[in-house]
Amino acid sequence: MFTDIIQISIHAGKGGNGVVAWRREKFIPKGGPAGGDGGRGGSVSIKVNPHLLSLENFRNKRIIKAQNGAAGGGNNRTGRDGADLVIEVPMGTVIKDKETNERQESK
């Protein structure tokens, strides 16, 4: 079946939470902060694939999400970044924002 019009929801990944931690060592008074930052959430990008003919890949997948970042850890450990997501579409695909009706055409 040929699919040429779809409506999907695309979400970038959320960043991970930071951690509040303090160094606690026997001979270091007021050791200081040791919490790590959360990881960056994944980005979503759209790429044209000239070998695709329709939007059949999205027929049963209406919500597309990039991976979330992981929380930070003690000892100044930064959380893992979320994986970026690349969506492949056929040439000539027109992408419209439902709320603003702004158009973006693939070439």
PDB file of N, CA and C in Angstrom:
ATOM      1  N   MET A   1       0.838  -1.177   0.000  1.00  0.00           N
ATOM      2  CA  MET A   1       0.000   0.000   0.000  1.00  0.00           C
ATOM      3  C   MET A   1       0.883   1.240   0.000  1.00  0.00           C
ATOM      4  N   PHE A   2       0.521   2.229  -0.785  1.00  0.00           N
ATOM      5  CA  PHE A   2       1.294   3.457  -0.911  1.00  0.00           C
ATOM      6  C   PHE A   2       0.790   4.470   0.116  1.00  0.00           C
ATOM      7  N   THR A   3       1.690   4.953   0.971  1.00  0.00           N
ATOM      8  CA  THR A   3       1.347   5.933   2.001  1.00  0.00           C
ATOM      9  C   THR A   3       2.035   7.247   1.678  1.00  0.00           C
ATOM     10  N   ASP A   4       1.233   8.315   1.470  1.00  0.00           N
ATOM     11  CA  ASP A   4       1.854   9.593   1.128  1.00  0.00           C
ATOM     12  C   ASP A   4       1.506  10.724   2.090  1.00  0.00           C
ATOM     13  N   ILE A   5       0.562  10.533   2.997  1.00  0.00           N
ATOM     14  CA  ILE A   5       0.239  11.544   4.005  1.00  0.00           C
ATOM     15  C   ILE A   5       0.198  10.858   5.363  1.00  0.00           C
ATOM     16  N   ILE A   6       0.956  11.403   6.312  1.00  0.00           N
ATOM     17  CA  ILE A   6       0.962  10.869   7.671  1.00  0.00           C
ATOM     18  C   ILE A   6       0.964  12.025   8.661  1.00  0.00           C
ATOM     19  N   GLN A   7       0.587  11.735   9.876  1.00  0.00           N
ATOM     20  CA  GLN A   7       0.675  12.706  10.963  1.00  0.00           C
ATOM     21  C   GLN A   7       1.376  12.012  12.113  1.00  0.00           C
ATOM     22  N   ILE A   8       2.564  12.515  12.472  1.00  0.00           N
ATOM     23  CA  ILE A   8       3.349  11.904  13.539  1.00  0.00           C
ATOM     24  C   ILE A   8       3.736  12.970  14.562  1.00  0.00           C
ATOM     25  N   SER A   9       4.143  12.506  15.719  1.00  0.00           N
ATOM     26  CA  SER A   9       4.611  13.380  16.789  1.00  0.00           C
ATOM     27  C   SER A   9       6.087  13.057  17.030  1.00  0.00           C
ATOM     28  N   ILE A  10       6.940  14.074  16.971  1.00  0.00           N
ATOM     29  CA  ILE A  10       8.379  13.882  17.106  1.00  0.00           C
ATOM     30  C   ILE A  10       8.856  14.615  18.360  1.00  0.00           C
ATOM     31  N   HIS A  11       9.639  13.909  19.201  1.00  0.00           N
ATOM     32  CA  HIS A  11      10.131  14.492  20.451  1.00  0.00           C
ATOM     33  C   HIS A  11      11.636  14.270  20.565  1.00  0.00           C
ATOM     34  N   ALA A  12      12.365  15.329  20.921  1.00  0.00           N
ATOM     35  CA  ALA A  12      13.791  15.192  21.241  1.00  0.00           C
ATOM     36  C   ALA A  12      13.908  14.604  22.645  1.00  0.00           C
ATOM     37  N   GLY A  13      15.063  14.045  22.960  1.00  0.00           N
ATOM     38  CA  GLY A  13      15.272  13.452  24.280  1.00  0.00           C
ATOM     39  C   GLY A  13      15.449  14.506  25.356  1.00  0.00           C
ATOM     40  N   LYS A  14      15.026  14.176  26.561  1.00  0.00           N
ATOM     41  CA  LYS A  14      15.206  15.079  27.700  1.00  0.00           C
ATOM     42  C   LYS A  14      16.614  14.893  28.266  1.00  0.00           C
ATOM     43  N   GLY A  15      17.163  15.956  28.779  1.00  0.00           N
ATOM     44  CA  GLY A  15      18.469  15.868  29.434  1.00  0.00           C
ATOM     45  C   GLY A  15      18.353  15.185  30.783  1.00  0.00           C
ATOM     46  N   GLY A  16      19.422  14.547  31.214  1.00  0.00           N
ATOM     47  CA  GLY A  16      19.412  13.853  32.499  1.00  0.00           C
ATOM     48  C   GLY A  16      19.530  14.812  33.666  1.00  0.00           C
ATOM     49  N   ASN A  17      19.120  14.365  34.814  1.00  0.00           N
ATOM     50  CA  ASN A  17      19.199  15.185  36.029  1.00  0.00           C
ATOM     51  C   ASN A  17      20.631  15.231  36.553  1.00  0.00           C
ATOM     52  N   GLY A  18      21.006  16.363  37.102  1.00  0.00           N
ATOM     53  CA  GLY A  18      22.289  16.466  37.786  1.00  0.00           C
ATOM     54  C   GLY A  18      22.185  15.857  39.182  1.00  0.00           C
ATOM     55  N   VAL A  19      23.318  15.660  39.832  1.00  0.00           N
ATOM     56  CA  VAL A  19      23.335  15.048  41.157  1.00  0.00           C
ATOM     57  C   VAL A  19      24.027  15.993  42.125  1.00  0.00           C
ATOM     58  N   VAL A  20      23.441  16.126  43.304  1.00  0.00           N
ATOM     59  CA  VAL A  20      24.060  16.906  44.369  1.00  0.00           C
ATOM     60  C   VAL A  20      24.797  15.923  45.264  1.00  0.00           C
ATOM     61  N   ALA A  21      26.100  16.085  45.364  1.00  0.00           N
ATOM     62  CA  ALA A  21      26.907  15.198  46.210  1.00  0.00           C
ATOM     63  C   ALA A  21      28.045  16.012  46.817  1.00  0.00           C
ATOM     64  N   TRP A  22      28.523  15.562  47.968  1.00  0.00           N
ATOM     65  CA  TRP A  22      29.618  16.246  48.657  1.00  0.00           C
ATOM     66  C   TRP A  22      30.717  15.252  48.965  1.00  0.00           C
ATOM     67  N   ARG A  23      31.945  15.708  48.842  1.00  0.00           N
ATOM     68  CA  ARG A  23      33.092  14.860  49.215  1.00  0.00           C
ATOM     69  C   ARG A  23      33.119  14.721  50.727  1.00  0.00           C
ATOM     70  N   ARG A  24      33.358  13.525  51.178  1.00  0.00           N
ATOM     71  CA  ARG A  24      33.456  13.291  52.615  1.00  0.00           C
ATOM     72  C   ARG A  24      34.702  12.455  52.851  1.00  0.00           C
ATOM     73  N   GLU A  25      35.779  13.137  53.186  1.00  0.00           N
ATOM     74  CA  GLU A  25      37.029  12.437  53.454  1.00  0.00           C
ATOM     75  C   GLU A  25      37.494  12.787  54.861  1.00  0.00           C
ATOM     76  N   LYS A  26      38.170  11.877  55.473  1.00  0.00           N
ATOM     77  CA  LYS A  26      38.506  11.991  56.883  1.00  0.00           C
ATOM     78  C   LYS A  26      39.359  13.218  57.202  1.00  0.00           C
ATOM     79  N   PHE A  27      40.386  13.481  56.403  1.00  0.00           N
ATOM     80  CA  PHE A  27      41.329  14.554  56.742  1.00  0.00           C
ATOM     81  C   PHE A  27      41.127  15.824  55.916  1.00  0.00           C
ATOM     82  N   ILE A  28      40.018  15.920  55.193  1.00  0.00           N
ATOM     83  CA  ILE A  28      39.713  17.126  54.413  1.00  0.00           C
ATOM     84  C   ILE A  28      38.409  17.710  54.946  1.00  0.00           C
ATOM     85  N   PRO A  29      38.514  18.770  55.792  1.00  0.00           N
ATOM     86  CA  PRO A  29      37.296  19.368  56.303  1.00  0.00           C
ATOM     87  C   PRO A  29      36.562  20.119  55.185  1.00  0.00           C
ATOM     88  N   LYS A  30      35.252  20.057  55.221  1.00  0.00           N
ATOM     89  CA  LYS A  30      34.438  20.730  54.199  1.00  0.00           C
ATOM     90  C   LYS A  30      34.921  20.342  52.802  1.00  0.00           C
ATOM     91  N   GLY A  31      34.872  19.069  52.499  1.00  0.00           N
ATOM     92  CA  GLY A  31      35.433  18.504  51.270  1.00  0.00           C
ATOM     93  C   GLY A  31      35.043  19.164  49.969  1.00  0.00           C
ATOM     94  N   GLY A  32      33.859  19.720  49.881  1.00  0.00           N
ATOM     95  CA  GLY A  32      33.469  20.408  48.655  1.00  0.00           C
ATOM     96  C   GLY A  32      32.500  19.592  47.811  1.00  0.00           C
ATOM     97  N   PRO A  33      31.962  20.214  46.761  1.00  0.00           N
ATOM     98  CA  PRO A  33      30.981  19.538  45.924  1.00  0.00           C
ATOM     99  C   PRO A  33      31.623  18.463  45.043  1.00  0.00           C
ATOM    100  N   ALA A  34      30.861  17.403  44.777  1.00  0.00           N
ATOM    101  CA  ALA A  34      31.369  16.325  43.930  1.00  0.00           C
ATOM    102  C   ALA A  34      30.271  15.744  43.057  1.00  0.00           C
ATOM    103  N   GLY A  35      29.215  16.516  42.792  1.00  0.00           N
ATOM    104  CA  GLY A  35      28.106  16.015  41.969  1.00  0.00           C
ATOM    105  C   GLY A  35      28.365  16.218  40.491  1.00  0.00           C
ATOM    106  N   GLY A  36      27.789  15.355  39.672  1.00  0.00           N
ATOM    107  CA  GLY A  36      27.988  15.433  38.226  1.00  0.00           C
ATOM    108  C   GLY A  36      26.773  15.974  37.492  1.00  0.00           C
ATOM    109  N   ASP A  37      27.007  16.483  36.290  1.00  0.00           N
ATOM    110  CA  ASP A  37      25.939  16.996  35.438  1.00  0.00           C
ATOM    111  C   ASP A  37      25.204  15.844  34.760  1.00  0.00           C
ATOM    112  N   GLY A  38      23.969  16.091  34.394  1.00  0.00           N
ATOM    113  CA  GLY A  38      23.190  15.102  33.659  1.00  0.00           C
ATOM    114  C   GLY A  38      23.610  15.078  32.193  1.00  0.00           C
ATOM    115  N   GLY A  39      23.341  13.985  31.521  1.00  0.00           N
ATOM    116  CA  GLY A  39      23.689  13.845  30.103  1.00  0.00           C
ATOM    117  C   GLY A  39      22.740  14.618  29.205  1.00  0.00           C
ATOM    118  N   ARG A  40      23.208  14.938  28.031  1.00  0.00           N
ATOM    119  CA  ARG A  40      22.439  15.678  27.030  1.00  0.00           C
ATOM    120  C   ARG A  40      21.407  14.752  26.395  1.00  0.00           C
ATOM    121  N   GLY A  41      20.207  15.256  26.142  1.00  0.00           N
ATOM    122  CA  GLY A  41      19.171  14.469  25.466  1.00  0.00           C
ATOM    123  C   GLY A  41      19.474  14.363  23.978  1.00  0.00           C
ATOM    124  N   GLY A  42      18.988  13.331  23.346  1.00  0.00           N
ATOM    125  CA  GLY A  42      19.233  13.103  21.924  1.00  0.00           C
ATOM    126  C   GLY A  42      18.489  14.093  21.039  1.00  0.00           C
ATOM    127  N   SER A  43      19.080  14.429  19.900  1.00  0.00           N
ATOM    128  CA  SER A  43      18.469  15.326  18.924  1.00  0.00           C
ATOM    129  C   SER A  43      17.776  14.512  17.839  1.00  0.00           C
ATOM    130  N   VAL A  44      16.843  15.148  17.153  1.00  0.00           N
ATOM    131  CA  VAL A  44      16.150  14.508  16.036  1.00  0.00           C
ATOM    132  C   VAL A  44      16.470  15.286  14.776  1.00  0.00           C
ATOM    133  N   SER A  45      16.893  14.591  13.732  1.00  0.00           N
ATOM    134  CA  SER A  45      17.144  15.239  12.450  1.00  0.00           C
ATOM    135  C   SER A  45      16.473  14.421  11.348  1.00  0.00           C
ATOM    136  N   ILE A  46      16.210  15.084  10.237  1.00  0.00           N
ATOM    137  CA  ILE A  46      15.528  14.441   9.118  1.00  0.00           C
ATOM    138  C   ILE A  46      16.469  14.421   7.924  1.00  0.00           C
ATOM    139  N   LYS A  47      16.569  13.256   7.277  1.00  0.00           N
ATOM    140  CA  LYS A  47      17.498  13.057   6.171  1.00  0.00           C
ATOM    141  C   LYS A  47      16.727  12.503   4.976  1.00  0.00           C
ATOM    142  N   VAL A  48      17.041  12.999   3.788  1.00  0.00           N
ATOM    143  CA  VAL A  48      16.399  12.504   2.566  1.00  0.00           C
ATOM    144  C   VAL A  48      17.112  11.249   2.101  1.00  0.00           C
ATOM    145  N   ASN A  49      16.327  10.214   1.823  1.00  0.00           N
ATOM    146  CA  ASN A  49      16.846   8.970   1.263  1.00  0.00           C
ATOM    147  C   ASN A  49      16.211   8.800  -0.113  1.00  0.00           C
ATOM    148  N   PRO A  50      16.987   8.944  -1.196  1.00  0.00           N
ATOM    149  CA  PRO A  50      16.405   8.865  -2.538  1.00  0.00           C
ATOM    150  C   PRO A  50      15.897   7.468  -2.898  1.00  0.00           C
ATOM    151  N   HIS A  51      16.216   6.462  -2.111  1.00  0.00           N
ATOM    152  CA  HIS A  51      15.776   5.100  -2.398  1.00  0.00           C
ATOM    153  C   HIS A  51      14.401   4.788  -1.810  1.00  0.00           C
ATOM    154  N   LEU A  52      13.886   5.655  -0.947  1.00  0.00           N
ATOM    155  CA  LEU A  52      12.538   5.453  -0.401  1.00  0.00           C
ATOM    156  C   LEU A  52      11.510   6.019  -1.373  1.00  0.00           C
ATOM    157  N   LEU A  53      10.370   5.343  -1.481  1.00  0.00           N
ATOM    158  CA  LEU A  53       9.320   5.782  -2.397  1.00  0.00           C
ATOM    159  C   LEU A  53       8.079   6.305  -1.687  1.00  0.00           C
ATOM    160  N   SER A  54       7.851   5.890  -0.433  1.00  0.00           N
ATOM    161  CA  SER A  54       6.676   6.345   0.294  1.00  0.00           C
ATOM    162  C   SER A  54       7.004   6.442   1.789  1.00  0.00           C
ATOM    163  N   LEU A  55       6.022   6.855   2.555  1.00  0.00           N
ATOM    164  CA  LEU A  55       6.182   6.998   3.996  1.00  0.00           C
ATOM    165  C   LEU A  55       5.665   5.759   4.732  1.00  0.00           C
ATOM    166  N   GLU A  56       5.773   4.622   4.103  1.00  0.00           N
ATOM    167  CA  GLU A  56       5.269   3.357   4.641  1.00  0.00           C
ATOM    168  C   GLU A  56       5.887   3.009   5.997  1.00  0.00           C
ATOM    169  N   ASN A  57       7.146   3.405   6.237  1.00  0.00           N
ATOM    170  CA  ASN A  57       7.832   3.085   7.494  1.00  0.00           C
ATOM    171  C   ASN A  57       7.148   3.708   8.706  1.00  0.00           C
ATOM    172  N   PHE A  58       6.398   4.782   8.509  1.00  0.00           N
ATOM    173  CA  PHE A  58       5.763   5.504   9.614  1.00  0.00           C
ATOM    174  C   PHE A  58       4.282   5.177   9.751  1.00  0.00           C
ATOM    175  N   ARG A  59       3.792   4.246   8.987  1.00  0.00           N
ATOM    176  CA  ARG A  59       2.362   3.951   8.964  1.00  0.00           C
ATOM    177  C   ARG A  59       1.850   3.494  10.332  1.00  0.00           C
ATOM    178  N   ASN A  60       2.611   2.678  11.041  1.00  0.00           N
ATOM    179  CA  ASN A  60       2.180   2.164  12.339  1.00  0.00           C
ATOM    180  C   ASN A  60       2.954   2.759  13.506  1.00  0.00           C
ATOM    181  N   LYS A  61       3.810   3.712  13.220  1.00  0.00           N
ATOM    182  CA  LYS A  61       4.609   4.338  14.281  1.00  0.00           C
ATOM    183  C   LYS A  61       4.298   5.832  14.294  1.00  0.00           C
ATOM    184  N   ARG A  62       3.424   6.258  15.211  1.00  0.00           N
ATOM    185  CA  ARG A  62       2.953   7.640  15.220  1.00  0.00           C
ATOM    186  C   ARG A  62       3.733   8.555  16.161  1.00  0.00           C
ATOM    187  N   ILE A  63       4.418   7.996  17.146  1.00  0.00           N
ATOM    188  CA  ILE A  63       5.209   8.802  18.077  1.00  0.00           C
ATOM    189  C   ILE A  63       6.669   8.380  17.936  1.00  0.00           C
ATOM    190  N   ILE A  64       7.518   9.356  17.634  1.00  0.00           N
ATOM    191  CA  ILE A  64       8.943   9.085  17.438  1.00  0.00           C
ATOM    192  C   ILE A  64       9.710   9.896  18.469  1.00  0.00           C
ATOM    193  N   LYS A  65      10.554   9.214  19.281  1.00  0.00           N
ATOM    194  CA  LYS A  65      11.291   9.877  20.352  1.00  0.00           C
ATOM    195  C   LYS A  65      12.774   9.563  20.257  1.00  0.00           C
ATOM    196  N   ALA A  66      13.595  10.577  20.522  1.00  0.00           N
ATOM    197  CA  ALA A  66      15.031  10.350  20.675  1.00  0.00           C
ATOM    198  C   ALA A  66      15.277   9.887  22.106  1.00  0.00           C
ATOM    199  N   GLN A  67      16.439   9.339  22.352  1.00  0.00           N
ATOM    200  CA  GLN A  67      16.757   8.776  23.661  1.00  0.00           C
ATOM    201  C   GLN A  67      17.027   9.878  24.687  1.00  0.00           C
ATOM    202  N   ASN A  68      16.595   9.658  25.917  1.00  0.00           N
ATOM    203  CA  ASN A  68      16.836  10.601  27.011  1.00  0.00           C
ATOM    204  C   ASN A  68      18.265  10.462  27.526  1.00  0.00           C
ATOM    205  N   GLY A  69      18.785  11.541  28.138  1.00  0.00           N
ATOM    206  CA  GLY A  69      20.098  11.485  28.777  1.00  0.00           C
ATOM    207  C   GLY A  69      19.992  10.846  30.148  1.00  0.00           C
ATOM    208  N   ALA A  70      21.091  10.291  30.629  1.00  0.00           N
ATOM    209  CA  ALA A  70      21.107   9.635  31.943  1.00  0.00           C
ATOM    210  C   ALA A  70      21.481  10.648  33.026  1.00  0.00           C
ATOM    211  N   ALA A  71      21.132  10.341  34.251  1.00  0.00           N
ATOM    212  CA  ALA A  71      21.451  11.214  35.386  1.00  0.00           C
ATOM    213  C   ALA A  71      22.951  11.180  35.676  1.00  0.00           C
ATOM    214  N   GLY A  72      23.446  12.252  36.262  1.00  0.00           N
ATOM    215  CA  GLY A  72      24.853  12.312  36.661  1.00  0.00           C
ATOM    216  C   GLY A  72      25.093  11.448  37.886  1.00  0.00           C
ATOM    217  N   GLY A  73      26.351  11.385  38.325  1.00  0.00           N
ATOM    218  CA  GLY A  73      26.689  10.572  39.484  1.00  0.00           C
ATOM    219  C   GLY A  73      27.628  11.303  40.418  1.00  0.00           C
ATOM    220  N   GLY A  74      27.946  10.667  41.526  1.00  0.00           N
ATOM    221  CA  GLY A  74      28.917  11.233  42.462  1.00  0.00           C
ATOM    222  C   GLY A  74      30.314  11.232  41.845  1.00  0.00           C
ATOM    223  N   ASN A  75      31.275  11.831  42.523  1.00  0.00           N
ATOM    224  CA  ASN A  75      32.661  11.962  42.038  1.00  0.00           C
ATOM    225  C   ASN A  75      32.744  12.694  40.699  1.00  0.00           C
ATOM    226  N   ASN A  76      31.874  13.693  40.511  1.00  0.00           N
ATOM    227  CA  ASN A  76      31.851  14.528  39.299  1.00  0.00           C
ATOM    228  C   ASN A  76      31.645  13.725  38.018  1.00  0.00           C
ATOM    229  N   ARG A  77      30.910  12.623  38.088  1.00  0.00           N
ATOM    230  CA  ARG A  77      30.653  11.819  36.882  1.00  0.00           C
ATOM    231  C   ARG A  77      29.453  12.397  36.133  1.00  0.00           C
ATOM    232  N   THR A  78      29.668  12.687  34.850  1.00  0.00           N
ATOM    233  CA  THR A  78      28.618  13.200  33.983  1.00  0.00           C
ATOM    234  C   THR A  78      27.784  12.037  33.471  1.00  0.00           C
ATOM    235  N   GLY A  79      26.477  12.242  33.342  1.00  0.00           N
ATOM    236  CA  GLY A  79      25.587  11.204  32.843  1.00  0.00           C
ATOM    237  C   GLY A  79      25.794  10.944  31.362  1.00  0.00           C
ATOM    238  N   ARG A  80      25.349   9.787  30.918  1.00  0.00           N
ATOM    239  CA  ARG A  80      25.479   9.385  29.512  1.00  0.00           C
ATOM    240  C   ARG A  80      24.552  10.237  28.651  1.00  0.00           C
ATOM    241  N   ASP A  81      25.013  10.647  27.467  1.00  0.00           N
ATOM    242  CA  ASP A  81      24.201  11.396  26.518  1.00  0.00           C
ATOM    243  C   ASP A  81      23.224  10.465  25.819  1.00  0.00           C
ATOM    244  N   GLY A  82      22.064  10.996  25.452  1.00  0.00           N
ATOM    245  CA  GLY A  82      21.087  10.225  24.691  1.00  0.00           C
ATOM    246  C   GLY A  82      21.511  10.117  23.235  1.00  0.00           C
ATOM    247  N   ALA A  83      21.166   9.024  22.598  1.00  0.00           N
ATOM    248  CA  ALA A  83      21.532   8.806  21.191  1.00  0.00           C
ATOM    249  C   ALA A  83      20.686   9.711  20.295  1.00  0.00           C
ATOM    250  N   ASP A  84      21.336  10.284  19.271  1.00  0.00           N
ATOM    251  CA  ASP A  84      20.621  11.096  18.298  1.00  0.00           C
ATOM    252  C   ASP A  84      19.813  10.193  17.371  1.00  0.00           C
ATOM    253  N   LEU A  85      18.722  10.718  16.832  1.00  0.00           N
ATOM    254  CA  LEU A  85      17.822   9.952  15.985  1.00  0.00           C
ATOM    255  C   LEU A  85      17.757  10.611  14.613  1.00  0.00           C
ATOM    256  N   VAL A  86      17.961   9.824  13.560  1.00  0.00           N
ATOM    257  CA  VAL A  86      17.873  10.318  12.190  1.00  0.00           C
ATOM    258  C   VAL A  86      16.662   9.658  11.539  1.00  0.00           C
ATOM    259  N   ILE A  87      15.745  10.482  11.042  1.00  0.00           N
ATOM    260  CA  ILE A  87      14.547   9.996  10.375  1.00  0.00           C
ATOM    261  C   ILE A  87      14.758  10.134   8.875  1.00  0.00           C
ATOM    262  N   GLU A  88      14.633   9.037   8.148  1.00  0.00           N
ATOM    263  CA  GLU A  88      14.810   9.073   6.697  1.00  0.00           C
ATOM    264  C   GLU A  88      13.457   9.177   6.011  1.00  0.00           C
ATOM    265  N   VAL A  89      13.361  10.130   5.068  1.00  0.00           N
ATOM    266  CA  VAL A  89      12.121  10.362   4.322  1.00  0.00           C
ATOM    267  C   VAL A  89      12.445  10.369   2.824  1.00  0.00           C
ATOM    268  N   PRO A  90      11.448  10.121   1.964  1.00  0.00           N
ATOM    269  CA  PRO A  90      11.693  10.171   0.519  1.00  0.00           C
ATOM    270  C   PRO A  90      11.858  11.609   0.027  1.00  0.00           C
ATOM    271  N   MET A  91      12.420  11.739  -1.159  1.00  0.00           N
ATOM    272  CA  MET A  91      12.604  13.060  -1.764  1.00  0.00           C
ATOM    273  C   MET A  91      11.248  13.714  -2.006  1.00  0.00           C
ATOM    274  N   GLY A  92      11.194  15.034  -1.838  1.00  0.00           N
ATOM    275  CA  GLY A  92       9.965  15.772  -2.070  1.00  0.00           C
ATOM    276  C   GLY A  92       9.004  15.774  -0.904  1.00  0.00           C
ATOM    277  N   THR A  93       9.424  15.267   0.239  1.00  0.00           N
ATOM    278  CA  THR A  93       8.561  15.246   1.415  1.00  0.00           C
ATOM    279  C   THR A  93       8.386  16.664   1.952  1.00  0.00           C
ATOM    280  N   VAL A  94       7.166  17.033   2.251  1.00  0.00           N
ATOM    281  CA  VAL A  94       6.859  18.338   2.840  1.00  0.00           C
ATOM    282  C   VAL A  94       6.513  18.108   4.306  1.00  0.00           C
ATOM    283  N   ILE A  95       7.233  18.795   5.193  1.00  0.00           N
ATOM    284  CA  ILE A  95       7.019  18.666   6.628  1.00  0.00           C
ATOM    285  C   ILE A  95       6.379  19.960   7.116  1.00  0.00           C
ATOM    286  N   LYS A  96       5.250  19.822   7.820  1.00  0.00           N
ATOM    287  CA  LYS A  96       4.532  20.994   8.313  1.00  0.00           C
ATOM    288  C   LYS A  96       4.365  20.895   9.822  1.00  0.00           C
ATOM    289  N   ASP A  97       4.563  22.024  10.492  1.00  0.00           N
ATOM    290  CA  ASP A  97       4.276  22.117  11.922  1.00  0.00           C
ATOM    291  C   ASP A  97       2.774  22.304  12.075  1.00  0.00           C
ATOM    292  N   LYS A  98       2.136  21.444  12.838  1.00  0.00           N
ATOM    293  CA  LYS A  98       0.685  21.464  12.959  1.00  0.00           C
ATOM    294  C   LYS A  98       0.177  22.751  13.604  1.00  0.00           C
ATOM    295  N   GLU A  99       0.909  23.292  14.564  1.00  0.00           N
ATOM    296  CA  GLU A  99       0.446  24.474  15.290  1.00  0.00           C
ATOM    297  C   GLU A  99       0.679  25.767  14.516  1.00  0.00           C
ATOM    298  N   THR A 100       1.869  25.927  13.912  1.00  0.00           N
ATOM    299  CA  THR A 100       2.193  27.178  13.226  1.00  0.00           C
ATOM    300  C   THR A 100       1.987  27.099  11.724  1.00  0.00           C
ATOM    301  N   ASN A 101       1.733  25.903  11.195  1.00  0.00           N
ATOM    302  CA  ASN A 101       1.554  25.665   9.766  1.00  0.00           C
ATOM    303  C   ASN A 101       2.796  26.042   8.955  1.00  0.00           C
ATOM    304  N   GLU A 102       3.963  26.070   9.587  1.00  0.00           N
ATOM    305  CA  GLU A 102       5.215  26.373   8.922  1.00  0.00           C
ATOM    306  C   GLU A 102       5.662  25.159   8.106  1.00  0.00           C
ATOM    307  N   ARG A 103       6.101  25.387   6.860  1.00  0.00           N
ATOM    308  CA  ARG A 103       6.487  24.299   5.948  1.00  0.00           C
ATOM    309  C   ARG A 103       7.991  24.184   5.818  1.00  0.00           C
ATOM    310  N   GLN A 104       8.439  22.958   5.633  1.00  0.00           N
ATOM    311  CA  GLN A 104       9.851  22.658   5.377  1.00  0.00           C
ATOM    312  C   GLN A 104       9.859  21.582   4.284  1.00  0.00           C
ATOM    313  N   GLU A 105      10.485  21.861   3.155  1.00  0.00           N
ATOM    314  CA  GLU A 105      10.503  20.896   2.062  1.00  0.00           C
ATOM    315  C   GLU A 105      11.850  20.227   1.953  1.00  0.00           C
ATOM    316  N   SER A 106      11.849  18.923   1.659  1.00  0.00           N
ATOM    317  CA  SER A 106      13.101  18.188   1.441  1.00  0.00           C
ATOM    318  C   SER A 106      13.456  18.248  -0.030  1.00  0.00           C
ATOM    319  N   LYS A 107      14.753  18.363  -0.290  1.00  0.00           N
ATOM    320  CA  LYS A 107      15.217  18.470  -1.686  1.00  0.00           C
ATOM    321  C   LYS A 107      16.176  17.352  -2.003  1.00  0.00           C
TER     322      LYS A 107
END
